[in-house]
């Protein structure tokens, strides 16, 4: 065995590495989901500019004709 080679079966090391990667990815997704849930529980008030933009009416263009087909 060389100084740089790790002990153990290479297939076992690969499997353990793959499982560790999956666990870390799952932990990141869980943390992101919890952060999103926290922001949804305490919604921020909308700024005046957002409210004004939401109240604007967008008229349909005169070139388009809606038909009930």
Protein backbone atom coordinates (compact mmCIF):
# COMPACT_ATOMS: atom_id res chain seq x y z
CA UNK A 1 0.00 0.00 0.00
CA UNK A 2 1.34 3.45 -0.91
CA UNK A 3 1.33 6.47 1.38
CA UNK A 4 -1.48 8.19 -0.58
CA UNK A 5 -3.80 5.18 -0.83
CA UNK A 6 -6.60 4.93 1.73
CA UNK A 7 -7.19 1.61 3.47
CA UNK A 8 -10.32 -0.38 2.69
CA UNK A 9 -12.24 -1.58 -0.32
CA UNK A 10 -12.53 1.05 -3.10
CA UNK A 11 -16.18 0.12 -3.71
CA UNK A 12 -17.00 0.65 -0.03
CA UNK A 13 -15.20 4.01 -0.02
CA UNK A 14 -17.13 5.06 -3.13
CA UNK A 15 -20.45 4.02 -1.58
CA UNK A 16 -19.69 5.89 1.65
CA UNK A 17 -18.69 8.99 -0.31
CA UNK A 18 -21.89 8.86 -2.38
CA UNK A 19 -24.00 8.49 0.78
CA UNK A 20 -22.20 11.41 2.44
CA UNK A 21 -22.83 13.60 -0.62
CA UNK A 22 -26.52 12.66 -0.61
CA UNK A 23 -26.79 13.42 3.13
CA UNK A 24 -25.15 16.83 2.71
CA UNK A 25 -27.40 17.67 -0.24
CA UNK A 26 -30.48 16.59 1.73
CA UNK A 27 -29.39 18.74 4.69
CA UNK A 28 -29.00 21.77 2.41
CA UNK A 29 -32.45 21.23 0.87
CA UNK A 30 -34.00 20.80 4.31
CA UNK A 31 -32.38 24.00 5.57
CA UNK A 32 -33.56 25.90 2.49
CA UNK A 33 -37.11 24.61 2.97
CA UNK A 34 -37.10 25.66 6.61
CA UNK A 35 -35.85 29.12 5.66
CA UNK A 36 -38.63 29.47 3.08
CA UNK A 37 -41.20 28.36 5.65
CA UNK A 38 -39.93 30.97 8.12
CA UNK A 39 -40.27 33.76 5.56
CA UNK A 40 -43.80 32.63 4.70
CA UNK A 41 -44.83 32.64 8.36
CA UNK A 42 -43.80 36.27 8.78
CA UNK A 43 -44.58 38.01 5.49
CA UNK A 44 -43.00 41.40 4.94
CA UNK A 45 -45.21 44.39 4.26
CA UNK A 46 -45.21 45.54 0.65
CA UNK A 47 -43.64 48.85 -0.19
CA UNK A 48 -45.77 51.72 -1.51
CA UNK A 49 -44.22 51.33 -4.98
CA UNK A 50 -45.23 47.66 -5.10
CA UNK A 51 -48.79 48.50 -4.05
CA UNK A 52 -49.07 51.25 -6.69
CA UNK A 53 -47.79 48.92 -9.39
CA UNK A 54 -50.21 46.18 -8.34
CA UNK A 55 -53.17 48.59 -8.56
CA UNK A 56 -52.35 49.74 -12.10
CA UNK A 57 -54.67 48.40 -14.76
CA UNK A 58 -53.11 47.03 -17.91
CA UNK A 59 -55.61 47.61 -20.75
CA UNK A 60 -55.73 45.02 -23.52
CA UNK A 61 -54.19 46.14 -26.76
CA UNK A 62 -56.68 47.26 -29.37
CA UNK A 63 -55.10 44.97 -31.99
CA UNK A 64 -56.17 41.82 -30.17
CA UNK A 65 -59.75 40.62 -30.29
CA UNK A 66 -60.83 37.99 -27.80
CA UNK A 67 -63.37 35.52 -29.15
CA UNK A 68 -65.20 32.84 -27.22
CA UNK A 69 -64.35 29.79 -29.31
